[in-house]
Amino acid sequence: MMPHDNKNIENFAFGQRGTRATVHIGLVNNMPDTVLRATELQFARLLKEAAGNFDVRLHLFAIPEIPRGEAAISRMDGFYADVATLPGAGMDALIITGAEPRTDGLNGEPYWQALTRLMDWAQGGTVSTLFSCLAAHAAVLHFDGIPRRPLPKKISGVFASLRAADDPLLTGVPARAATPHSRKNGLLEGDLTAHNYRVLTRLTDGSADLFVREGRSRLVFLQGHPEYGADTLGREYLRDVARFLKGEAARPAIPDNNVARATENALQSLAGREAQISDYSEVVTGAMPLQSWRGSALRLFANWITSIAAEKPRRRTARMAPVHRSL
């Protein structure tokens, strides 16, 4: 499915070469086939805009145990490397995305063992690893047995994220910033702090948004999706509407704080008649959502890149022993 070396996966290079440090970031893309490419581009664009003077290289990795269709497998061939090659790939940092759940418990997923081996390696094999949404839930479950909790209803939309602690990651980020969220489960702050996680931002309902854990590598966890494009929540809404119209799921709520009131009214009016998915699509694709979170997302990722570049020389000086076990 994927090559076992990394010679073909240096697909994205950003920033200004030869000016400051080079930072190699691996994206372990576990997202479903339908949004695999979109996820690549979302993180690539965010890192490109946040790179500044740093020479940022983005490399693509995948877990073979995640079920894929033939079209996705064909497209990934030659561009994605197996995560088993990571110990020798020279990555400074990782971004690990979530995957669409197929079982009630995360530890029952077919890729669970491969994912936990990856997470164990990442604790010492990187300067920093960032866990996105469901990957954050999987990580705290594996590291400390912290379970995710079902929410009364799915949270979908753009929400205010309030600073809960000072940290270099938040330098220049407003104390109140917008953040997209799209999830059916959450983590309790008390469960996190009891296991030495530090919550940096939380939503106005008090739930954790961004949190970290210190160790040989700095682990960063996001329950939200700062990488989302302006139209991502709308596309997710259309996906859920299509499932509803097929009788596969309940009618989804319109994402909060994402589109103008007129667009919300138009979507609500469709619920009162026999509308087709094309009717919903016409309204959603004609909307002009504001990407109100982009500035704070860029600042957050610029700070993360800066912290990785600053730590690389210290790790070399300390001559930290490499992790030799394979994934």
Protein backbone atom coordinates (compact mmCIF):
# COMPACT_ATOMS: atom_id res chain seq x y z
CA MET A 1 0.00 0.00 0.00
CA MET A 2 2.72 2.44 0.97
CA PRO A 3 6.47 2.65 0.46
CA HIS A 4 8.75 1.59 3.32
CA ASP A 5 11.16 4.45 2.81
CA ASN A 6 10.63 8.19 2.88
CA LYS A 7 12.33 9.21 -0.35
CA ASN A 8 9.07 10.01 -2.15
CA ILE A 9 7.09 11.72 0.61
CA GLU A 10 8.61 15.18 0.84
CA ASN A 11 5.57 16.68 -0.86
CA PHE A 12 5.42 20.10 0.77
CA ALA A 13 8.21 22.58 1.54
CA PHE A 14 7.39 26.00 2.99
CA GLY A 15 9.06 29.14 4.28
CA GLN A 16 12.43 30.57 3.36
CA ARG A 17 15.20 28.04 2.89
CA GLY A 18 18.63 28.84 4.19
CA THR A 19 17.48 31.61 6.52
CA ARG A 20 16.64 29.77 9.73
CA ALA A 21 16.23 26.19 10.98
CA THR A 22 14.66 23.45 8.92
CA VAL A 23 11.74 21.75 10.67
CA HIS A 24 10.54 18.35 9.48
CA ILE A 25 6.92 17.61 10.40
CA GLY A 26 5.19 14.30 9.73
CA LEU A 27 1.44 14.25 9.13
CA VAL A 28 -0.06 10.89 10.10
CA ASN A 29 -3.32 11.22 8.20
CA ASN A 30 -5.93 8.81 9.56
CA MET A 31 -8.97 10.58 8.13
CA PRO A 32 -11.55 8.75 5.97
CA ASP A 33 -10.99 8.41 2.24
CA THR A 34 -13.55 11.11 1.43
CA VAL A 35 -11.60 13.81 3.28
CA LEU A 36 -8.07 12.41 3.06
CA ARG A 37 -6.91 14.94 0.46
CA ALA A 38 -8.79 17.82 2.09
CA THR A 39 -7.02 17.10 5.39
CA GLU A 40 -3.63 17.10 3.67
CA LEU A 41 -4.35 20.50 2.14
CA GLN A 42 -5.76 22.01 5.33
CA PHE A 43 -2.64 21.24 7.34
CA ALA A 44 -0.32 22.03 4.44
CA ARG A 45 -1.86 25.47 3.94
CA LEU A 46 -1.85 26.22 7.65
CA LEU A 47 1.81 25.25 8.02
CA LYS A 48 2.75 27.17 4.86
CA GLU A 49 1.18 30.39 6.16
CA ALA A 50 2.59 29.87 9.65
CA ALA A 51 6.14 28.92 8.58
CA GLY A 52 7.50 32.47 8.43
CA ASN A 53 11.27 32.37 7.99
CA PHE A 54 11.53 28.71 8.94
CA ASP A 55 12.11 26.05 6.31
CA VAL A 56 9.19 23.73 7.10
CA ARG A 57 8.97 20.35 5.35
CA LEU A 58 5.75 18.33 5.60
CA HIS A 59 5.94 14.55 5.12
CA LEU A 60 2.96 12.20 4.80
CA PHE A 61 2.52 8.96 6.75
CA ALA A 62 -0.32 6.48 7.16
CA ILE A 63 -1.26 3.48 9.29
CA PRO A 64 -1.78 0.46 6.98
CA GLU A 65 -4.33 -1.12 9.34
CA ILE A 66 -6.86 1.65 8.66
CA PRO A 67 -9.32 0.25 6.08
CA ARG A 68 -9.11 2.08 2.74
CA GLY A 69 -10.82 1.82 -0.61
CA GLU A 70 -8.90 1.03 -3.76
CA ALA A 71 -9.04 4.60 -5.05
CA ALA A 72 -7.50 5.99 -1.86
CA ILE A 73 -4.84 3.26 -1.75
CA SER A 74 -3.87 4.01 -5.34
CA ARG A 75 -3.65 7.73 -4.70
CA MET A 76 -1.58 7.31 -1.51
CA ASP A 77 0.94 5.00 -3.17
CA GLY A 78 4.24 6.81 -3.54
CA PHE A 79 3.15 9.80 -1.44
CA TYR A 80 2.54 8.20 1.96
CA ALA A 81 5.04 6.15 3.94
CA ASP A 82 4.18 3.48 6.48
CA VAL A 83 4.36 4.78 10.07
CA ALA A 84 6.71 1.87 10.77
CA THR A 85 9.43 3.88 9.01
CA LEU A 86 9.12 6.87 11.36
CA PRO A 87 12.02 5.97 13.72
CA GLY A 88 14.45 6.42 10.81
CA ALA A 89 12.64 9.21 8.97
CA GLY A 90 14.19 12.17 10.82
CA MET A 91 10.96 13.87 11.87
CA ASP A 92 11.19 16.69 14.41
CA ALA A 93 7.46 16.70 15.10
CA LEU A 94 4.24 14.90 14.25
CA ILE A 95 0.63 15.80 13.67
CA ILE A 96 -1.66 12.80 14.24
CA THR A 97 -5.25 13.13 13.06
CA GLY A 98 -8.33 11.23 14.14
CA ALA A 99 -10.03 8.46 12.20
CA GLU A 100 -13.73 7.78 11.69
CA PRO A 101 -14.81 5.42 14.52
CA ARG A 102 -16.07 1.99 13.48
CA THR A 103 -16.58 0.53 16.96
CA ASP A 104 -18.07 1.77 20.23
CA GLY A 105 -14.69 1.79 21.97
CA LEU A 106 -11.56 3.31 20.49
CA ASN A 107 -9.46 0.40 21.73
CA GLY A 108 -11.56 -1.93 19.61
CA GLU A 109 -10.61 -0.27 16.33
CA PRO A 110 -8.66 -2.47 13.87
CA TYR A 111 -5.75 -0.01 13.88
CA TRP A 112 -5.56 0.40 17.68
CA GLN A 113 -2.35 -1.55 18.25
CA ALA A 114 -0.55 0.23 15.41
CA LEU A 115 -1.76 3.60 16.71
CA THR A 116 -0.64 2.91 20.28
CA ARG A 117 2.82 1.82 19.08
CA LEU A 118 3.04 5.09 17.18
CA MET A 119 1.96 7.12 20.21
CA ASP A 120 4.46 5.34 22.47
CA TRP A 121 7.27 6.16 20.04
CA ALA A 122 6.13 9.76 19.64
CA GLN A 123 6.50 10.40 23.40
CA GLY A 124 10.27 10.30 23.02
CA GLY A 125 10.97 10.24 19.31
CA THR A 126 9.86 13.79 18.51
CA VAL A 127 10.42 17.27 19.85
CA SER A 128 6.65 17.66 19.93
CA THR A 129 3.59 15.76 18.74
CA LEU A 130 0.19 17.35 18.12
CA PHE A 131 -2.90 15.14 18.49
CA SER A 132 -5.99 16.37 16.63
CA CYS A 133 -9.53 15.76 17.97
CA LEU A 134 -10.24 12.02 18.09
CA ALA A 135 -6.50 11.31 18.12
CA ALA A 136 -6.35 13.37 21.34
CA HIS A 137 -9.08 11.16 22.83
CA ALA A 138 -7.20 8.03 21.76
CA ALA A 139 -3.91 9.31 23.20
CA VAL A 140 -5.17 10.13 26.70
CA LEU A 141 -7.06 6.83 26.80
CA HIS A 142 -3.88 4.94 25.95
CA PHE A 143 -1.46 6.94 28.09
CA ASP A 144 -3.59 7.33 31.22
CA GLY A 145 -6.85 5.43 30.80
CA ILE A 146 -8.85 8.67 30.52
CA PRO A 147 -12.18 7.91 28.79
CA ARG A 148 -13.96 10.28 26.45
CA ARG A 149 -17.48 11.16 27.58
CA PRO A 150 -20.53 11.23 25.27
CA LEU A 151 -21.96 14.72 24.89
CA PRO A 152 -25.72 15.40 25.23
CA LYS A 153 -25.64 16.34 21.54
CA LYS A 154 -23.00 16.74 18.88
CA ILE A 155 -21.02 19.96 19.12
CA SER A 156 -20.60 21.46 15.66
CA GLY A 157 -19.71 25.03 14.84
CA VAL A 158 -17.36 27.86 15.75
CA PHE A 159 -17.02 28.57 19.47
CA ALA A 160 -15.24 31.03 21.74
CA SER A 161 -12.08 29.56 23.27
CA LEU A 162 -10.89 31.29 26.45
CA ARG A 163 -7.33 31.33 27.75
CA ALA A 164 -6.98 29.27 30.93
CA ALA A 165 -3.18 29.47 31.41
CA ASP A 166 -0.20 31.29 29.96
CA ASP A 167 2.10 29.36 27.65
CA PRO A 168 4.49 30.16 24.77
CA LEU A 169 2.05 28.39 22.43
CA LEU A 170 -0.42 31.20 23.09
CA THR A 171 1.93 34.13 22.47
CA GLY A 172 -0.01 36.62 20.37
CA VAL A 173 -3.20 34.53 20.45
CA PRO A 174 -6.18 36.56 21.74
CA ALA A 175 -7.40 35.67 25.23
CA ARG A 176 -10.76 34.97 23.57
CA ALA A 177 -10.39 33.29 20.19
CA ALA A 178 -12.72 31.44 17.82
CA THR A 179 -12.20 27.70 17.29
CA PRO A 180 -14.14 25.18 15.15
CA HIS A 181 -15.34 22.00 16.88
CA SER A 182 -17.09 18.95 15.43
CA ARG A 183 -17.46 16.01 17.81
CA LYS A 184 -19.89 13.84 19.77
CA ASN A 185 -17.61 13.21 22.76
CA GLY A 186 -15.44 15.24 25.11
CA LEU A 187 -12.87 15.03 27.89
CA LEU A 188 -13.42 16.24 31.45
CA GLU A 189 -10.86 18.78 32.64
CA GLY A 190 -10.70 17.11 36.07
CA ASP A 191 -9.71 13.81 34.47
CA LEU A 192 -6.95 15.56 32.55
CA THR A 193 -5.49 17.62 35.39
CA ALA A 194 -5.49 14.56 37.66
CA HIS A 195 -2.99 13.00 35.24
CA ASN A 196 -0.69 16.03 34.86
CA TYR A 197 -2.21 17.49 31.71
CA ARG A 198 -2.37 21.30 31.68
CA VAL A 199 -5.38 22.94 30.08
CA LEU A 200 -4.38 26.06 28.15
CA THR A 201 -7.76 27.04 26.66
CA ARG A 202 -11.35 26.04 27.34
CA LEU A 203 -14.70 26.74 25.77
CA THR A 204 -17.24 29.00 27.43
CA ASP A 205 -19.09 25.92 28.74
CA GLY A 206 -15.94 25.04 30.70
CA SER A 207 -14.84 22.09 28.54
CA ALA A 208 -11.17 21.68 27.63
CA ASP A 209 -10.09 22.90 24.19
CA LEU A 210 -6.27 22.93 24.00
CA PHE A 211 -4.13 21.09 26.57
CA VAL A 212 -0.54 19.86 26.89
CA ARG A 213 1.61 17.35 28.74
CA GLU A 214 5.31 17.76 29.32
CA GLY A 215 7.84 14.96 28.98
CA ARG A 216 10.74 13.93 26.82
CA SER A 217 8.56 15.24 23.99
CA ARG A 218 6.00 17.98 24.42
CA LEU A 219 2.56 16.58 23.66
CA VAL A 220 -0.09 19.01 22.42
CA PHE A 221 -3.76 18.03 22.28
CA LEU A 222 -6.56 19.76 20.38
CA GLN A 223 -10.23 18.88 20.79
CA GLY A 224 -11.04 21.44 18.11
CA HIS A 225 -10.00 21.88 14.49
CA PRO A 226 -8.04 25.10 13.91
CA GLU A 227 -6.91 23.65 10.57
CA TYR A 228 -10.44 23.69 9.13
CA GLY A 229 -11.13 25.66 5.98
CA ALA A 230 -13.97 28.14 5.75
CA ASP A 231 -16.25 25.58 4.08
CA THR A 232 -15.36 22.47 6.11
CA LEU A 233 -18.19 22.64 8.64
CA GLY A 234 -20.65 23.20 5.80
CA ARG A 235 -19.38 20.12 3.95
CA GLU A 236 -19.66 18.05 7.13
CA TYR A 237 -23.22 19.30 7.59
CA LEU A 238 -24.13 18.23 4.05
CA ARG A 239 -22.61 14.79 4.70
CA ASP A 240 -24.77 14.40 7.82
CA VAL A 241 -27.88 15.68 6.01
CA ALA A 242 -27.32 13.08 3.29
CA ARG A 243 -27.18 10.37 5.96
CA PHE A 244 -30.38 11.73 7.50
CA LEU A 245 -32.22 11.74 4.17
CA LYS A 246 -31.21 8.09 3.67
CA GLY A 247 -32.63 7.22 7.10
CA GLU A 248 -29.20 6.40 8.50
CA ALA A 249 -29.03 9.13 11.16
CA ALA A 250 -31.01 11.82 12.93
CA ARG A 251 -31.38 15.25 11.37
CA PRO A 252 -28.18 17.20 12.11
CA ALA A 253 -28.18 20.61 13.71
CA ILE A 254 -26.93 23.55 11.67
CA PRO A 255 -23.32 24.35 12.75
CA ASP A 256 -23.29 27.17 15.31
CA ASN A 257 -21.83 30.58 14.49
CA ASN A 258 -20.63 29.54 11.05
CA VAL A 259 -22.96 31.21 8.54
CA ALA A 260 -25.18 34.29 8.39
CA ARG A 261 -28.66 34.25 9.93
CA ALA A 262 -30.24 34.33 6.46
CA THR A 263 -28.46 31.09 5.53
CA GLU A 264 -29.57 29.46 8.80
CA ASN A 265 -33.16 30.51 8.09
CA ALA A 266 -32.99 29.07 4.58
CA LEU A 267 -31.70 25.74 5.91
CA GLN A 268 -34.35 25.64 8.62
CA SER A 269 -37.06 26.21 6.03
CA LEU A 270 -35.95 23.09 4.17
CA ALA A 271 -36.82 20.97 7.22
CA GLY A 272 -40.49 21.80 6.72
CA ARG A 273 -40.80 20.25 3.25
CA GLU A 274 -39.64 17.29 1.18
CA ALA A 275 -36.24 18.70 0.33
CA GLN A 276 -33.50 16.84 -1.49
CA ILE A 277 -29.78 16.94 -0.74
CA SER A 278 -29.36 19.18 -3.81
CA ASP A 279 -31.58 21.79 -2.10
CA TYR A 280 -29.38 21.80 0.99
CA SER A 281 -26.24 21.85 -1.13
CA GLU A 282 -27.44 24.89 -3.06
CA VAL A 283 -27.93 26.86 0.16
CA VAL A 284 -24.68 25.74 1.81
CA THR A 285 -22.44 26.22 -1.21
CA GLY A 286 -23.97 29.64 -1.84
CA ALA A 287 -23.17 30.82 1.68
CA MET A 288 -20.11 32.90 2.54
CA PRO A 289 -18.88 31.60 5.93
CA LEU A 290 -16.34 33.72 7.74
CA GLN A 291 -13.11 31.97 8.74
CA SER A 292 -13.01 33.89 12.00
CA TRP A 293 -10.47 31.53 13.57
CA ARG A 294 -7.73 31.80 10.92
CA GLY A 295 -5.64 34.47 12.60
CA SER A 296 -5.46 32.70 15.96
CA ALA A 297 -4.81 29.34 14.24
CA LEU A 298 -1.86 30.81 12.34
CA ARG A 299 -0.42 32.31 15.50
CA LEU A 300 -0.78 29.02 17.39
CA PHE A 301 0.97 27.01 14.67
CA ALA A 302 3.67 29.65 14.19
CA ASN A 303 4.41 29.40 17.92
CA TRP A 304 4.47 25.60 17.70
CA ILE A 305 6.94 25.67 14.79
CA THR A 306 9.13 28.19 16.65
CA SER A 307 9.18 25.99 19.77
CA ILE A 308 10.23 22.95 17.72
CA ALA A 309 13.02 24.88 15.98
CA ALA A 310 14.27 26.20 19.34
CA GLU A 311 14.32 22.78 20.98
CA LYS A 312 16.13 20.92 18.18
CA PRO A 313 19.63 22.27 19.05
CA ARG A 314 19.12 21.57 22.75
CA ARG A 315 18.19 17.98 22.03
CA ARG A 316 21.29 17.55 19.85
CA THR A 317 23.51 19.10 22.52
CA ALA A 318 22.08 16.83 25.19
CA ARG A 319 22.76 13.87 22.88
CA MET A 320 19.51 12.23 23.85
CA ALA A 321 19.54 8.53 23.06
CA PRO A 322 17.49 7.66 19.98
CA VAL A 323 14.55 5.31 20.25
CA HIS A 324 15.58 2.15 18.39
CA ARG A 325 12.47 0.03 18.69
CA SER A 326 10.42 -0.18 15.53
CA LEU A 327 6.74 0.58 15.28
